[in-house]
C-alpha cells in the first residue's frame, strides 16, 4: 500500500502552518486574483494579447507569480531547512513577487512597457527594479533548490524525486529568464529597442513551461500517495511524468534555439 503519512517538516508546526506560510499563501491568492481581474479588464477593454504593451502581462504575471509563491511556500515545507532560514527566505520571496507584479501592473495601466523601457527616468527606475527583483528571485529559489539536493526532502514516497526534479527544472526557468533580461537590456542600451522586445519571444515558452514543474510534480506525488496503489507503482508513474515533463522542456528549448535571432 502507498504511504500516506507525511512527517512533520521543518517548515510546519504540529498545530498547522506557520504565520509566514499563511502570509505567503494569502499573498499568492491576492496575486492570482489580480491576474484574474486583469483578465476581465482585457475582456472589457480589448487590445492585443501579444506585444510589450498589453493587458496580457498583468494577467500572466499575476497568475504565474501567485501560483509560484503558493507552490514554493508549500513545497519548501518538505525541505530539511531550519525555520530561521526558510522563513526570511519566504518573506523576501513573497515581497519580491509583490514588487514584480506591482511594477508590471503599474506600467500596464500607464500603457507603457514594463520591461526594457528606458524612455524616461521613471520608466528606467521601474525596469531596473524589475531586473533587480529578478536577481533576488534567482538567489532565493537557487537557495531552496540547493537545499533540496543537500539533504533528502521529507514527505510521502516519491516526494523527494518530485521536489528535486521540480527544482532542477525550475533552474532552467531562472536561467532562461535571466537570458531574456540580459539580452533585452543589451539591445536596449545599444539602441535596438524594437529588437529588444522581440528578442524575448523565443525563450518565453521555455521559461513558462519550466517555471511550474516545482508545483506540478510535487502535486502529482501527493495525489499518488492518496491512492491505494503501491509505492513501486507510484514511483514508476512519477518517473514517467518527470521524463515527460523533461521532454516538454527540451522541446521548448529546441524551439528557442531554432527561432532565436
Protein backbone atom coordinates (compact mmCIF):
# COMPACT_ATOMS: atom_id res chain seq x y z
CA UNK A 1 0.00 0.00 0.00
CA UNK A 2 1.12 3.57 -0.63
CA UNK A 3 2.50 5.56 2.25
CA UNK A 4 0.08 8.32 3.25
CA UNK A 5 1.68 9.59 6.41
CA UNK A 6 3.59 12.83 5.98
CA UNK A 7 6.27 13.58 8.56
CA UNK A 8 6.27 16.99 10.08
CA UNK A 9 8.75 19.03 8.05
CA UNK A 10 10.87 21.88 9.45
CA UNK A 11 8.54 24.42 7.85
CA UNK A 12 5.44 23.12 9.66
CA UNK A 13 4.22 23.14 13.23
CA UNK A 14 2.14 20.49 14.93
CA UNK A 15 -0.72 22.95 15.17
CA UNK A 16 -0.71 23.85 11.48
CA UNK A 17 1.01 26.26 9.18
CA UNK A 18 3.36 28.91 10.46
CA UNK A 19 2.41 32.58 10.24
CA UNK A 20 4.87 33.12 7.36
CA UNK A 21 3.25 30.28 5.41
CA UNK A 22 -0.22 31.72 5.90
CA UNK A 23 1.01 35.16 4.88
CA UNK A 24 2.62 33.80 1.73
CA UNK A 25 -0.47 31.78 0.81
CA UNK A 26 -2.66 34.85 1.28
CA UNK A 27 -0.28 36.99 -0.77
CA UNK A 28 -0.24 34.39 -3.53
CA UNK A 29 -4.03 34.34 -3.55
CA UNK A 30 -4.12 38.14 -3.93
CA UNK A 31 -1.69 37.98 -6.86
CA UNK A 32 -3.80 35.29 -8.54
CA UNK A 33 -6.93 37.43 -8.05
CA UNK A 34 -5.05 40.37 -9.57
CA UNK A 35 -4.28 38.27 -12.63
CA UNK A 36 -7.93 37.21 -12.96
CA UNK A 37 -9.09 40.81 -12.51
CA UNK A 38 -6.87 41.97 -15.36
CA UNK A 39 -8.16 39.13 -17.50
CA UNK A 40 -11.59 40.71 -17.06
CA UNK A 41 -10.08 44.12 -17.88
CA UNK A 42 -8.67 42.64 -21.09
CA UNK A 43 -12.07 41.21 -21.99
CA UNK A 44 -13.75 44.60 -21.48
CA UNK A 45 -11.05 46.96 -22.75
CA UNK A 46 -9.72 44.76 -25.53
CA UNK A 47 -6.34 45.31 -27.08
CA UNK A 48 -3.63 42.92 -28.28
CA UNK A 49 -2.59 39.80 -26.43
CA UNK A 50 0.98 39.99 -27.68
CA UNK A 51 3.43 42.87 -27.59
CA UNK A 52 5.24 44.87 -24.90
CA UNK A 53 2.10 46.89 -24.07
CA UNK A 54 -0.75 44.52 -23.33
CA UNK A 55 -3.12 43.54 -20.53
CA UNK A 56 -1.63 40.07 -21.01
CA UNK A 57 1.34 40.98 -18.82
CA UNK A 58 -0.52 41.72 -15.55
CA UNK A 59 -2.69 38.66 -16.28
CA UNK A 60 0.12 36.17 -16.86
CA UNK A 61 2.49 37.62 -14.28
CA UNK A 62 -0.21 37.85 -11.61
CA UNK A 63 -1.25 34.25 -12.15
CA UNK A 64 2.29 32.91 -12.52
CA UNK A 65 3.77 34.74 -9.55
CA UNK A 66 0.76 33.90 -7.40
CA UNK A 67 0.88 30.20 -8.25
CA UNK A 68 4.65 30.10 -7.86
CA UNK A 69 4.53 31.78 -4.45
CA UNK A 70 1.89 29.34 -3.20
CA UNK A 71 3.82 26.41 -4.69
CA UNK A 72 7.18 27.43 -3.23
CA UNK A 73 5.62 28.02 0.19
CA UNK A 74 4.07 24.57 0.09
CA UNK A 75 6.95 22.51 -1.34
CA UNK A 76 9.62 24.09 0.86
CA UNK A 77 7.73 22.78 3.89
CA UNK A 78 9.09 19.37 2.87
CA UNK A 79 12.72 20.55 2.71
CA UNK A 80 15.09 19.84 5.57
CA UNK A 81 15.72 23.55 6.19
CA UNK A 82 15.69 25.31 9.54
CA UNK A 83 12.74 27.65 10.09
CA UNK A 84 15.06 30.55 10.90
CA UNK A 85 16.42 30.30 7.35
CA UNK A 86 13.29 29.25 5.48
CA UNK A 87 11.05 31.94 6.99
CA UNK A 88 13.12 35.01 5.95
CA UNK A 89 13.71 33.50 2.50
CA UNK A 90 9.95 33.03 2.05
CA UNK A 91 9.20 36.57 3.25
CA UNK A 92 11.77 38.03 0.87
CA UNK A 93 10.40 35.90 -1.95
CA UNK A 94 6.81 37.00 -1.24
CA UNK A 95 7.79 40.68 -1.07
CA UNK A 96 9.70 40.36 -4.34
CA UNK A 97 6.72 38.71 -6.04
CA UNK A 98 4.54 41.63 -4.98
CA UNK A 99 7.07 44.18 -6.27
CA UNK A 100 7.37 42.40 -9.62
CA UNK A 101 3.61 42.13 -10.20
CA UNK A 102 3.01 45.68 -8.92
CA UNK A 103 5.60 47.15 -11.29
CA UNK A 104 4.24 45.25 -14.27
CA UNK A 105 0.65 46.19 -13.39
CA UNK A 106 1.52 49.86 -12.90
CA UNK A 107 3.13 50.07 -16.32
CA UNK A 108 0.20 48.27 -17.94
CA UNK A 109 -2.19 50.91 -16.60
CA UNK A 110 0.20 53.62 -17.80
CA UNK A 111 0.12 51.95 -21.23
CA UNK A 112 3.90 51.65 -21.45
CA UNK A 113 6.20 48.60 -21.49
CA UNK A 114 7.17 47.24 -18.09
CA UNK A 115 10.47 45.59 -19.04
CA UNK A 116 13.34 47.08 -21.03
CA UNK A 117 11.66 50.51 -21.13
CA UNK A 118 14.16 53.30 -20.53
CA UNK A 119 12.36 56.15 -22.29
CA UNK A 120 12.04 58.24 -19.13
CA UNK A 121 13.71 58.32 -15.74
CA UNK A 122 10.65 56.80 -14.09
CA UNK A 123 10.38 54.01 -16.66
CA UNK A 124 14.08 53.28 -16.25
CA UNK A 125 13.60 53.06 -12.48
CA UNK A 126 10.72 50.58 -12.90
CA UNK A 127 12.63 48.45 -15.41
CA UNK A 128 15.70 48.44 -13.20
CA UNK A 129 13.65 47.48 -10.14
CA UNK A 130 12.09 44.58 -12.04
CA UNK A 131 15.52 43.42 -13.23
CA UNK A 132 16.98 43.59 -9.71
CA UNK A 133 13.90 41.79 -8.40
CA UNK A 134 14.55 39.05 -10.93
CA UNK A 135 18.02 38.65 -9.46
CA UNK A 136 16.54 38.31 -5.98
CA UNK A 137 14.17 35.62 -7.24
CA UNK A 138 17.08 33.70 -8.74
CA UNK A 139 19.03 33.89 -5.47
CA UNK A 140 16.17 32.74 -3.24
CA UNK A 141 14.96 29.94 -5.49
CA UNK A 142 18.52 28.73 -6.08
CA UNK A 143 19.00 28.52 -2.30
CA UNK A 144 15.90 26.35 -1.98
CA UNK A 145 16.98 24.21 -4.95
CA UNK A 146 20.37 23.64 -3.34
CA UNK A 147 18.70 22.67 -0.06
CA UNK A 148 16.58 20.06 -1.87
CA UNK A 149 19.73 18.31 -3.09
CA UNK A 150 21.87 18.72 0.03
CA UNK A 151 19.50 16.77 2.26
CA UNK A 152 16.78 14.33 1.34
CA UNK A 153 13.37 16.09 1.47
CA UNK A 154 10.57 14.84 3.70
CA UNK A 155 7.09 13.81 2.61
CA UNK A 156 5.32 10.79 1.15
CA UNK A 157 7.02 8.29 -1.14
CA UNK A 158 8.05 9.94 -4.38
CA UNK A 159 8.12 13.47 -2.98
CA UNK A 160 11.95 13.67 -2.82
CA UNK A 161 12.20 12.85 -6.55
CA UNK A 162 9.37 15.25 -7.40
CA UNK A 163 10.94 18.08 -5.43
CA UNK A 164 14.43 17.61 -6.78
CA UNK A 165 13.22 17.28 -10.37
CA UNK A 166 10.91 20.25 -9.93
CA UNK A 167 13.65 22.48 -8.56
CA UNK A 168 16.13 21.31 -11.23
CA UNK A 169 13.66 22.24 -13.98
CA UNK A 170 12.89 25.50 -12.16
CA UNK A 171 16.56 26.43 -12.54
CA UNK A 172 16.03 26.23 -16.31
CA UNK A 173 13.24 28.80 -15.95
CA UNK A 174 15.52 31.06 -13.94
CA UNK A 175 18.33 30.81 -16.48
CA UNK A 176 16.02 31.47 -19.43
CA UNK A 177 14.50 34.47 -17.61
CA UNK A 178 17.95 35.87 -16.88
CA UNK A 179 18.92 35.36 -20.52
CA UNK A 180 15.85 37.30 -21.69
CA UNK A 181 16.64 40.20 -19.39
CA UNK A 182 20.35 40.27 -20.25
CA UNK A 183 19.78 40.13 -24.00
CA UNK A 184 17.00 42.70 -23.83
CA UNK A 185 19.00 45.16 -21.75
CA UNK A 186 21.97 44.85 -24.11
CA UNK A 187 19.83 45.55 -27.18
CA UNK A 188 18.09 48.45 -25.45
CA UNK A 189 21.32 50.10 -24.40
CA UNK A 190 22.74 49.72 -27.91
CA UNK A 191 19.76 51.49 -29.44
CA UNK A 192 17.74 48.50 -30.67
CA UNK A 193 14.56 48.90 -28.65
CA UNK A 194 12.22 47.03 -31.02
CA UNK A 195 14.69 44.17 -31.32
CA UNK A 196 14.94 44.05 -27.51
CA UNK A 197 11.20 43.39 -27.17
CA UNK A 198 11.26 40.81 -29.98
CA UNK A 199 14.30 39.01 -28.54
CA UNK A 200 12.34 37.64 -25.57
CA UNK A 201 9.78 35.74 -27.69
CA UNK A 202 11.80 32.54 -28.41
CA UNK A 203 12.55 31.96 -24.73
CA UNK A 204 9.06 32.61 -23.35
CA UNK A 205 7.69 29.05 -23.90
CA UNK A 206 10.79 27.54 -22.28
CA UNK A 207 10.50 29.93 -19.35
CA UNK A 208 6.79 29.30 -18.89
CA UNK A 209 6.88 25.51 -19.14
CA UNK A 210 9.87 25.05 -16.84
CA UNK A 211 8.56 27.52 -14.25
CA UNK A 212 5.76 25.35 -12.88
CA UNK A 213 7.39 21.91 -12.65
CA UNK A 214 8.03 22.61 -8.97
CA UNK A 215 4.25 22.69 -8.47
CA UNK A 216 3.07 20.03 -10.92
CA UNK A 217 5.44 17.19 -9.98
CA UNK A 218 5.11 17.50 -6.16
CA UNK A 219 1.32 17.82 -6.54
CA UNK A 220 1.31 14.60 -8.54
CA UNK A 221 3.44 12.89 -5.88
CA UNK A 222 0.96 13.97 -3.20
CA UNK A 223 -2.03 12.78 -5.22
CA UNK A 224 -0.38 9.41 -5.87
CA UNK A 225 0.27 8.99 -2.16
CA UNK A 226 -3.50 9.17 -1.60
CA UNK A 227 -4.21 6.25 -3.93
CA UNK A 228 -4.32 2.56 -2.94
CA UNK A 229 -1.50 1.80 -5.37
CA UNK A 230 1.85 0.52 -4.16
CA UNK A 231 4.85 2.77 -3.65
CA UNK A 232 6.59 0.97 -6.52
CA UNK A 233 3.72 1.70 -8.93
CA UNK A 234 3.58 5.32 -7.80
CA UNK A 235 7.33 5.65 -8.30
CA UNK A 236 7.04 4.35 -11.87
CA UNK A 237 4.26 6.81 -12.64
CA UNK A 238 6.19 9.67 -11.13
CA UNK A 239 9.36 8.79 -13.03
CA UNK A 240 7.37 8.65 -16.28
CA UNK A 241 5.72 12.00 -15.54
CA UNK A 242 9.10 13.55 -14.74
CA UNK A 243 10.52 12.22 -18.01
CA UNK A 244 7.55 13.61 -19.96
CA UNK A 245 7.96 16.99 -18.30
CA UNK A 246 11.67 17.00 -19.08
CA UNK A 247 10.88 16.18 -22.72
CA UNK A 248 8.45 19.11 -22.86
CA UNK A 249 11.16 21.41 -21.51
CA UNK A 250 13.66 20.01 -24.02
CA UNK A 251 11.19 20.59 -26.87
CA UNK A 252 10.70 24.24 -25.91
CA UNK A 253 14.47 24.60 -25.59
CA UNK A 254 14.96 23.27 -29.12
CA UNK A 255 12.27 25.63 -30.38
CA UNK A 256 14.04 28.52 -28.64
CA UNK A 257 17.33 27.65 -30.32
CA UNK A 258 15.74 27.28 -33.76
CA UNK A 259 13.84 30.58 -33.56
CA UNK A 260 16.42 32.64 -31.66
CA UNK A 261 17.84 35.58 -33.55
